[in-house]
PDB file of N, CA and C in Angstrom:
ATOM      1  N   MET A   1     -42.252 -69.279  19.441  1.00  0.00           N
ATOM      2  CA  MET A   1     -41.819 -68.237  19.736  1.00  0.00           C
ATOM      3  C   MET A   1     -40.588 -68.333  20.596  1.00  0.00           C
ATOM      4  N   ALA A   2     -39.617 -67.333  20.454  1.00  0.00           N
ATOM      5  CA  ALA A   2     -38.319 -67.708  21.363  1.00  0.00           C
ATOM      6  C   ALA A   2     -38.598 -67.168  22.872  1.00  0.00           C
ATOM      7  N   ASN A   3     -37.771 -67.751  23.568  1.00  0.00           N
ATOM      8  CA  ASN A   3     -37.910 -67.252  24.910  1.00  0.00           C
ATOM      9  C   ASN A   3     -37.604 -65.858  25.239  1.00  0.00           C
ATOM     10  N   THR A   4     -38.449 -65.079  25.609  1.00  0.00           N
ATOM     11  CA  THR A   4     -38.202 -63.721  25.951  1.00  0.00           C
ATOM     12  C   THR A   4     -37.660 -63.104  27.352  1.00  0.00           C
ATOM     13  N   THR A   5     -37.386 -64.057  28.172  1.00  0.00           N
ATOM     14  CA  THR A   5     -36.564 -63.810  29.331  1.00  0.00           C
ATOM     15  C   THR A   5     -35.127 -63.969  29.408  1.00  0.00           C
ATOM     16  N   THR A   6     -34.346 -63.053  29.582  1.00  0.00           N
ATOM     17  CA  THR A   6     -32.920 -63.079  29.527  1.00  0.00           C
ATOM     18  C   THR A   6     -32.378 -63.351  30.930  1.00  0.00           C
ATOM     19  N   PRO A   7     -31.163 -63.603  31.134  1.00  0.00           N
ATOM     20  CA  PRO A   7     -30.700 -64.011  32.398  1.00  0.00           C
ATOM     21  C   PRO A   7     -30.907 -62.859  33.246  1.00  0.00           C
ATOM     22  N   GLY A   8     -30.742 -61.744  33.104  1.00  0.00           N
ATOM     23  CA  GLY A   8     -30.811 -60.491  33.903  1.00  0.00           C
ATOM     24  C   GLY A   8     -32.083 -59.860  33.901  1.00  0.00           C
ATOM     25  N   SER A   9     -33.098 -60.253  33.235  1.00  0.00           N
ATOM     26  CA  SER A   9     -34.468 -59.752  33.233  1.00  0.00           C
ATOM     27  C   SER A   9     -35.374 -59.767  34.297  1.00  0.00           C
ATOM     28  N   THR A  10     -36.350 -58.823  34.636  1.00  0.00           N
ATOM     29  CA  THR A  10     -37.125 -58.759  35.636  1.00  0.00           C
ATOM     30  C   THR A  10     -37.861 -59.925  35.841  1.00  0.00           C
ATOM     31  N   ALA A  11     -38.306 -60.624  34.914  1.00  0.00           N
ATOM     32  CA  ALA A  11     -39.276 -61.813  34.757  1.00  0.00           C
ATOM     33  C   ALA A  11     -38.313 -62.852  35.250  1.00  0.00           C
ATOM     34  N   THR A  12     -37.040 -62.919  34.937  1.00  0.00           N
ATOM     35  CA  THR A  12     -36.185 -64.210  35.347  1.00  0.00           C
ATOM     36  C   THR A  12     -36.055 -63.953  36.873  1.00  0.00           C
ATOM     37  N   ARG A  13     -35.697 -62.651  37.301  1.00  0.00           N
ATOM     38  CA  ARG A  13     -35.565 -62.572  38.674  1.00  0.00           C
ATOM     39  C   ARG A  13     -36.964 -62.983  39.631  1.00  0.00           C
ATOM     40  N   ARG A  14     -37.931 -62.414  38.989  1.00  0.00           N
ATOM     41  CA  ARG A  14     -39.342 -62.805  39.603  1.00  0.00           C
ATOM     42  C   ARG A  14     -39.539 -64.109  39.883  1.00  0.00           C
ATOM     43  N   ASN A  15     -39.171 -65.076  38.716  1.00  0.00           N
ATOM     44  CA  ASN A  15     -39.371 -66.421  38.610  1.00  0.00           C
ATOM     45  C   ASN A  15     -38.472 -67.225  39.639  1.00  0.00           C
ATOM     46  N   LEU A  16     -37.183 -66.652  39.810  1.00  0.00           N
ATOM     47  CA  LEU A  16     -36.280 -67.121  40.832  1.00  0.00           C
ATOM     48  C   LEU A  16     -36.758 -66.823  42.242  1.00  0.00           C
ATOM     49  N   ALA A  17     -37.237 -65.871  42.373  1.00  0.00           N
ATOM     50  CA  ALA A  17     -37.861 -65.228  43.687  1.00  0.00           C
ATOM     51  C   ALA A  17     -39.106 -66.300  43.994  1.00  0.00           C
ATOM     52  N   HIS A  18     -39.787 -66.504  43.043  1.00  0.00           N
ATOM     53  CA  HIS A  18     -41.064 -67.554  43.380  1.00  0.00           C
ATOM     54  C   HIS A  18     -40.506 -68.900  43.545  1.00  0.00           C
ATOM     55  N   VAL A  19     -39.574 -69.343  42.929  1.00  0.00           N
ATOM     56  CA  VAL A  19     -39.137 -70.627  43.227  1.00  0.00           C
ATOM     57  C   VAL A  19     -38.523 -70.773  44.565  1.00  0.00           C
ATOM     58  N   ALA A  20     -37.621 -69.942  44.915  1.00  0.00           N
ATOM     59  CA  ALA A  20     -36.916 -69.663  46.297  1.00  0.00           C
ATOM     60  C   ALA A  20     -38.064 -69.758  47.337  1.00  0.00           C
ATOM     61  N   ARG A  21     -39.001 -69.017  47.135  1.00  0.00           N
ATOM     62  CA  ARG A  21     -40.109 -68.953  48.267  1.00  0.00           C
ATOM     63  C   ARG A  21     -40.840 -70.346  48.302  1.00  0.00           C
ATOM     64  N   HIS A  22     -41.073 -70.951  47.107  1.00  0.00           N
ATOM     65  CA  HIS A  22     -41.839 -72.121  47.209  1.00  0.00           C
ATOM     66  C   HIS A  22     -40.935 -73.168  47.795  1.00  0.00           C
ATOM     67  N   ILE A  23     -39.516 -73.041  47.685  1.00  0.00           N
ATOM     68  CA  ILE A  23     -38.772 -74.089  48.365  1.00  0.00           C
ATOM     69  C   ILE A  23     -38.511 -73.869  49.865  1.00  0.00           C
ATOM     70  N   LEU A  24     -38.623 -72.385  50.324  1.00  0.00           N
ATOM     71  CA  LEU A  24     -38.545 -72.343  51.777  1.00  0.00           C
ATOM     72  C   LEU A  24     -39.812 -72.675  52.289  1.00  0.00           C
ATOM     73  N   GLU A  25     -40.966 -72.528  51.704  1.00  0.00           N
ATOM     74  CA  GLU A  25     -42.328 -72.830  52.196  1.00  0.00           C
ATOM     75  C   GLU A  25     -42.387 -74.411  52.515  1.00  0.00           C
ATOM     76  N   ARG A  26     -41.714 -75.214  51.621  1.00  0.00           N
ATOM     77  CA  ARG A  26     -41.680 -76.634  51.599  1.00  0.00           C
ATOM     78  C   ARG A  26     -40.863 -77.189  52.898  1.00  0.00           C
ATOM     79  N   HIS A  27     -39.750 -76.548  52.903  1.00  0.00           N
ATOM     80  CA  HIS A  27     -38.609 -77.171  53.926  1.00  0.00           C
ATOM     81  C   HIS A  27     -38.537 -76.045  55.291  1.00  0.00           C
ATOM     82  N   ALA A  28     -39.386 -76.705  56.218  1.00  0.00           N
ATOM     83  CA  ALA A  28     -39.365 -75.727  57.425  1.00  0.00           C
ATOM     84  C   ALA A  28     -37.980 -75.851  58.280  1.00  0.00           C
ATOM     85  N   ASP A  29     -37.426 -77.189  58.033  1.00  0.00           N
ATOM     86  CA  ASP A  29     -36.163 -77.431  58.801  1.00  0.00           C
ATOM     87  C   ASP A  29     -35.111 -76.381  58.227  1.00  0.00           C
ATOM     88  N   PHE A  30     -34.912 -76.274  56.967  1.00  0.00           N
ATOM     89  CA  PHE A  30     -33.995 -75.227  56.521  1.00  0.00           C
ATOM     90  C   PHE A  30     -34.437 -73.716  57.002  1.00  0.00           C
ATOM     91  N   ARG A  31     -35.596 -73.367  57.053  1.00  0.00           N
ATOM     92  CA  ARG A  31     -35.852 -72.094  57.635  1.00  0.00           C
ATOM     93  C   ARG A  31     -35.316 -71.917  59.081  1.00  0.00           C
ATOM     94  N   ARG A  32     -35.279 -72.980  59.791  1.00  0.00           N
ATOM     95  CA  ARG A  32     -34.813 -73.010  61.183  1.00  0.00           C
ATOM     96  C   ARG A  32     -33.126 -73.058  61.226  1.00  0.00           C
ATOM     97  N   LEU A  33     -32.689 -73.733  60.228  1.00  0.00           N
ATOM     98  CA  LEU A  33     -31.184 -74.103  60.263  1.00  0.00           C
ATOM     99  C   LEU A  33     -30.498 -72.901  59.943  1.00  0.00           C
ATOM    100  N   PHE A  34     -30.951 -72.103  58.833  1.00  0.00           N
ATOM    101  CA  PHE A  34     -30.291 -70.993  58.210  1.00  0.00           C
ATOM    102  C   PHE A  34     -30.124 -69.871  59.251  1.00  0.00           C
ATOM    103  N   PRO A  35     -30.931 -69.216  59.887  1.00  0.00           N
ATOM    104  CA  PRO A  35     -30.863 -68.214  60.731  1.00  0.00           C
ATOM    105  C   PRO A  35     -29.936 -68.700  62.110  1.00  0.00           C
ATOM    106  N   GLY A  36     -30.132 -69.975  62.458  1.00  0.00           N
ATOM    107  CA  GLY A  36     -29.440 -70.665  63.683  1.00  0.00           C
ATOM    108  C   GLY A  36     -27.899 -70.530  63.077  1.00  0.00           C
ATOM    109  N   ASN A  37     -27.487 -71.061  62.020  1.00  0.00           N
ATOM    110  CA  ASN A  37     -26.162 -71.084  61.560  1.00  0.00           C
ATOM    111  C   ASN A  37     -25.523 -69.806  61.353  1.00  0.00           C
ATOM    112  N   SER A  38     -26.440 -68.847  60.821  1.00  0.00           N
ATOM    113  CA  SER A  38     -25.970 -67.506  60.534  1.00  0.00           C
ATOM    114  C   SER A  38     -25.464 -66.763  62.015  1.00  0.00           C
ATOM    115  N   VAL A  39     -26.368 -66.956  62.968  1.00  0.00           N
ATOM    116  CA  VAL A  39     -26.046 -66.477  64.423  1.00  0.00           C
ATOM    117  C   VAL A  39     -24.680 -67.071  64.873  1.00  0.00           C
ATOM    118  N   SER A  40     -24.513 -68.384  64.708  1.00  0.00           N
ATOM    119  CA  SER A  40     -23.623 -69.206  65.077  1.00  0.00           C
ATOM    120  C   SER A  40     -22.175 -68.507  64.440  1.00  0.00           C
ATOM    121  N   LEU A  41     -22.207 -68.382  63.200  1.00  0.00           N
ATOM    122  CA  LEU A  41     -21.037 -67.907  62.509  1.00  0.00           C
ATOM    123  C   LEU A  41     -20.868 -66.294  62.952  1.00  0.00           C
ATOM    124  N   LEU A  42     -21.649 -65.715  63.177  1.00  0.00           N
ATOM    125  CA  LEU A  42     -21.482 -64.336  63.870  1.00  0.00           C
ATOM    126  C   LEU A  42     -20.947 -64.314  65.117  1.00  0.00           C
ATOM    127  N   GLY A  43     -21.398 -65.111  65.844  1.00  0.00           N
ATOM    128  CA  GLY A  43     -20.795 -65.355  67.301  1.00  0.00           C
ATOM    129  C   GLY A  43     -19.173 -65.904  67.095  1.00  0.00           C
ATOM    130  N   SER A  44     -18.971 -66.656  66.204  1.00  0.00           N
ATOM    131  CA  SER A  44     -17.768 -67.102  66.166  1.00  0.00           C
ATOM    132  C   SER A  44     -16.635 -65.892  65.690  1.00  0.00           C
ATOM    133  N   SER A  45     -17.283 -65.218  64.673  1.00  0.00           N
ATOM    134  CA  SER A  45     -16.346 -64.179  64.197  1.00  0.00           C
ATOM    135  C   SER A  45     -16.148 -63.011  65.367  1.00  0.00           C
ATOM    136  N   VAL A  46     -17.150 -62.633  66.107  1.00  0.00           N
ATOM    137  CA  VAL A  46     -16.981 -61.781  67.066  1.00  0.00           C
ATOM    138  C   VAL A  46     -16.109 -62.261  68.176  1.00  0.00           C
ATOM    139  N   THR A  47     -16.060 -63.645  68.623  1.00  0.00           N
ATOM    140  CA  THR A  47     -15.178 -64.161  69.398  1.00  0.00           C
ATOM    141  C   THR A  47     -13.717 -64.084  69.177  1.00  0.00           C
ATOM    142  N   THR A  48     -13.580 -64.268  67.809  1.00  0.00           N
ATOM    143  CA  THR A  48     -12.214 -64.142  67.305  1.00  0.00           C
ATOM    144  C   THR A  48     -11.541 -63.005  67.571  1.00  0.00           C
ATOM    145  N   VAL A  49     -12.319 -61.826  67.495  1.00  0.00           N
ATOM    146  CA  VAL A  49     -11.845 -60.402  67.733  1.00  0.00           C
ATOM    147  C   VAL A  49     -11.880 -60.070  69.263  1.00  0.00           C
ATOM    148  N   ALA A  50     -13.000 -60.528  69.982  1.00  0.00           N
ATOM    149  CA  ALA A  50     -13.290 -59.973  71.238  1.00  0.00           C
ATOM    150  C   ALA A  50     -12.378 -60.686  72.313  1.00  0.00           C
ATOM    151  N   LEU A  51     -12.223 -61.943  72.258  1.00  0.00           N
ATOM    152  CA  LEU A  51     -11.444 -62.774  73.226  1.00  0.00           C
ATOM    153  C   LEU A  51     -10.060 -62.029  73.271  1.00  0.00           C
ATOM    154  N   PRO A  52      -9.200 -62.008  72.263  1.00  0.00           N
ATOM    155  CA  PRO A  52      -7.910 -61.555  72.259  1.00  0.00           C
ATOM    156  C   PRO A  52      -7.960 -59.940  72.933  1.00  0.00           C
ATOM    157  N   LEU A  53      -9.071 -59.155  72.483  1.00  0.00           N
ATOM    158  CA  LEU A  53      -9.054 -57.830  72.824  1.00  0.00           C
ATOM    159  C   LEU A  53      -9.241 -57.677  74.450  1.00  0.00           C
ATOM    160  N   ALA A  54     -10.367 -58.452  74.921  1.00  0.00           N
ATOM    161  CA  ALA A  54     -10.544 -58.645  76.381  1.00  0.00           C
ATOM    162  C   ALA A  54      -9.245 -59.151  77.011  1.00  0.00           C
ATOM    163  N   ALA A  55      -8.665 -60.016  76.642  1.00  0.00           N
ATOM    164  CA  ALA A  55      -7.344 -60.355  77.311  1.00  0.00           C
ATOM    165  C   ALA A  55      -6.335 -59.252  77.377  1.00  0.00           C
ATOM    166  N   ALA A  56      -6.345 -58.632  76.165  1.00  0.00           N
ATOM    167  CA  ALA A  56      -5.192 -57.300  76.316  1.00  0.00           C
ATOM    168  C   ALA A  56      -5.817 -56.148  77.188  1.00  0.00           C
ATOM    169  N   LEU A  57      -7.080 -56.011  77.254  1.00  0.00           N
ATOM    170  CA  LEU A  57      -7.454 -54.928  77.984  1.00  0.00           C
ATOM    171  C   LEU A  57      -7.440 -55.209  79.461  1.00  0.00           C
ATOM    172  N   THR A  58      -7.857 -56.548  79.886  1.00  0.00           N
ATOM    173  CA  THR A  58      -8.121 -57.024  81.165  1.00  0.00           C
ATOM    174  C   THR A  58      -6.525 -57.218  81.964  1.00  0.00           C
ATOM    175  N   LEU A  59      -5.614 -57.819  81.111  1.00  0.00           N
ATOM    176  CA  LEU A  59      -4.343 -58.316  81.607  1.00  0.00           C
ATOM    177  C   LEU A  59      -3.276 -57.326  81.467  1.00  0.00           C
ATOM    178  N   HIS A  60      -3.774 -56.343  80.563  1.00  0.00           N
ATOM    179  CA  HIS A  60      -2.679 -55.311  80.218  1.00  0.00           C
ATOM    180  C   HIS A  60      -1.280 -55.943  79.717  1.00  0.00           C
ATOM    181  N   THR A  61      -1.672 -56.836  78.733  1.00  0.00           N
ATOM    182  CA  THR A  61      -0.444 -57.690  78.149  1.00  0.00           C
ATOM    183  C   THR A  61       0.263 -56.827  76.973  1.00  0.00           C
ATOM    184  N   SER A  62       1.324 -57.362  76.653  1.00  0.00           N
ATOM    185  CA  SER A  62       2.102 -56.732  75.804  1.00  0.00           C
ATOM    186  C   SER A  62       2.000 -57.450  74.285  1.00  0.00           C
ATOM    187  N   SER A  63       2.415 -57.106  73.427  1.00  0.00           N
ATOM    188  CA  SER A  63       2.440 -57.676  71.913  1.00  0.00           C
ATOM    189  C   SER A  63       2.911 -58.904  71.752  1.00  0.00           C
ATOM    190  N   VAL A  64       4.089 -59.279  72.657  1.00  0.00           N
ATOM    191  CA  VAL A  64       4.697 -60.646  72.810  1.00  0.00           C
ATOM    192  C   VAL A  64       3.540 -61.580  73.137  1.00  0.00           C
ATOM    193  N   TYR A  65       3.090 -61.261  74.302  1.00  0.00           N
ATOM    194  CA  TYR A  65       1.936 -62.137  74.944  1.00  0.00           C
ATOM    195  C   TYR A  65       0.896 -62.394  74.015  1.00  0.00           C
ATOM    196  N   MET A  66       0.402 -61.452  73.376  1.00  0.00           N
ATOM    197  CA  MET A  66      -0.686 -61.443  72.346  1.00  0.00           C
ATOM    198  C   MET A  66      -0.383 -62.331  71.161  1.00  0.00           C
ATOM    199  N   GLY A  67       0.860 -62.227  70.713  1.00  0.00           N
ATOM    200  CA  GLY A  67       1.302 -63.250  69.811  1.00  0.00           C
ATOM    201  C   GLY A  67       1.126 -64.646  70.196  1.00  0.00           C
ATOM    202  N   LEU A  68       1.928 -64.768  71.447  1.00  0.00           N
ATOM    203  CA  LEU A  68       1.681 -66.286  72.079  1.00  0.00           C
ATOM    204  C   LEU A  68       0.301 -66.818  72.260  1.00  0.00           C
ATOM    205  N   LEU A  69      -0.687 -65.794  72.710  1.00  0.00           N
ATOM    206  CA  LEU A  69      -1.956 -66.188  72.768  1.00  0.00           C
ATOM    207  C   LEU A  69      -2.722 -66.593  71.476  1.00  0.00           C
ATOM    208  N   LYS A  70      -2.295 -65.894  70.466  1.00  0.00           N
ATOM    209  CA  LYS A  70      -2.713 -66.108  69.025  1.00  0.00           C
ATOM    210  C   LYS A  70      -2.035 -67.603  68.537  1.00  0.00           C
ATOM    211  N   ALA A  71      -0.896 -67.547  68.938  1.00  0.00           N
ATOM    212  CA  ALA A  71      -0.220 -68.905  68.245  1.00  0.00           C
ATOM    213  C   ALA A  71      -0.875 -70.159  68.937  1.00  0.00           C
ATOM    214  N   ALA A  72      -1.164 -69.893  70.421  1.00  0.00           N
ATOM    215  CA  ALA A  72      -1.882 -71.153  71.121  1.00  0.00           C
ATOM    216  C   ALA A  72      -3.207 -71.428  70.452  1.00  0.00           C
ATOM    217  N   SER A  73      -3.838 -70.488  70.186  1.00  0.00           N
ATOM    218  CA  SER A  73      -5.297 -70.370  69.752  1.00  0.00           C
ATOM    219  C   SER A  73      -5.293 -71.256  68.309  1.00  0.00           C
ATOM    220  N   ALA A  74      -4.408 -70.704  67.480  1.00  0.00           N
ATOM    221  CA  ALA A  74      -4.157 -71.407  66.172  1.00  0.00           C
ATOM    222  C   ALA A  74      -3.776 -72.881  66.372  1.00  0.00           C
ATOM    223  N   ALA A  75      -2.743 -73.330  67.368  1.00  0.00           N
ATOM    224  CA  ALA A  75      -2.328 -74.545  67.442  1.00  0.00           C
ATOM    225  C   ALA A  75      -3.521 -75.515  67.884  1.00  0.00           C
ATOM    226  N   GLN A  76      -4.420 -74.880  68.837  1.00  0.00           N
ATOM    227  CA  GLN A  76      -5.461 -75.711  69.338  1.00  0.00           C
ATOM    228  C   GLN A  76      -6.502 -75.964  68.240  1.00  0.00           C
ATOM    229  N   THR A  77      -6.633 -74.795  67.333  1.00  0.00           N
ATOM    230  CA  THR A  77      -7.714 -75.066  66.182  1.00  0.00           C
ATOM    231  C   THR A  77      -7.129 -75.981  65.255  1.00  0.00           C
ATOM    232  N   SER A  78      -5.825 -76.216  64.668  1.00  0.00           N
ATOM    233  CA  SER A  78      -5.464 -76.917  63.878  1.00  0.00           C
ATOM    234  C   SER A  78      -5.437 -78.470  64.534  1.00  0.00           C
ATOM    235  N   ARG A  79      -5.224 -78.689  65.925  1.00  0.00           N
ATOM    236  CA  ARG A  79      -5.225 -79.860  66.342  1.00  0.00           C
ATOM    237  C   ARG A  79      -6.573 -80.431  66.520  1.00  0.00           C
ATOM    238  N   ILE A  80      -7.838 -79.734  66.628  1.00  0.00           N
ATOM    239  CA  ILE A  80      -9.095 -80.185  66.701  1.00  0.00           C
ATOM    240  C   ILE A  80      -9.463 -80.661  65.260  1.00  0.00           C
ATOM    241  N   ARG A  81      -9.008 -79.786  64.457  1.00  0.00           N
ATOM    242  CA  ARG A  81      -9.257 -80.134  62.972  1.00  0.00           C
ATOM    243  C   ARG A  81      -8.758 -81.455  62.603  1.00  0.00           C
ATOM    244  N   ASP A  82      -7.539 -81.737  63.179  1.00  0.00           N
ATOM    245  CA  ASP A  82      -6.826 -83.219  62.793  1.00  0.00           C
ATOM    246  C   ASP A  82      -7.684 -84.396  63.310  1.00  0.00           C
ATOM    247  N   LEU A  83      -8.451 -84.006  64.263  1.00  0.00           N
ATOM    248  CA  LEU A  83      -8.895 -85.285  65.046  1.00  0.00           C
ATOM    249  C   LEU A  83     -10.174 -85.782  64.212  1.00  0.00           C
TER     250      LEU A  83
END
């Protein structure tokens, strides 16, 4: 008899969910790593927006100074990546 599960079928999705659940049950380290990494990425994304905004509101800077702040941040990031 031919395989009755097509790639988009409910049975295939159920089987994939079962396999994923089985893998996550066996690998406790991944269950801790994934949420921790997700929170870290969210914090990095918020910092990218919040730090320049806080500088602009606190220091009452102009667009020129904001551009210099962004350039300094980009230069620092590229320098760290080169190491």
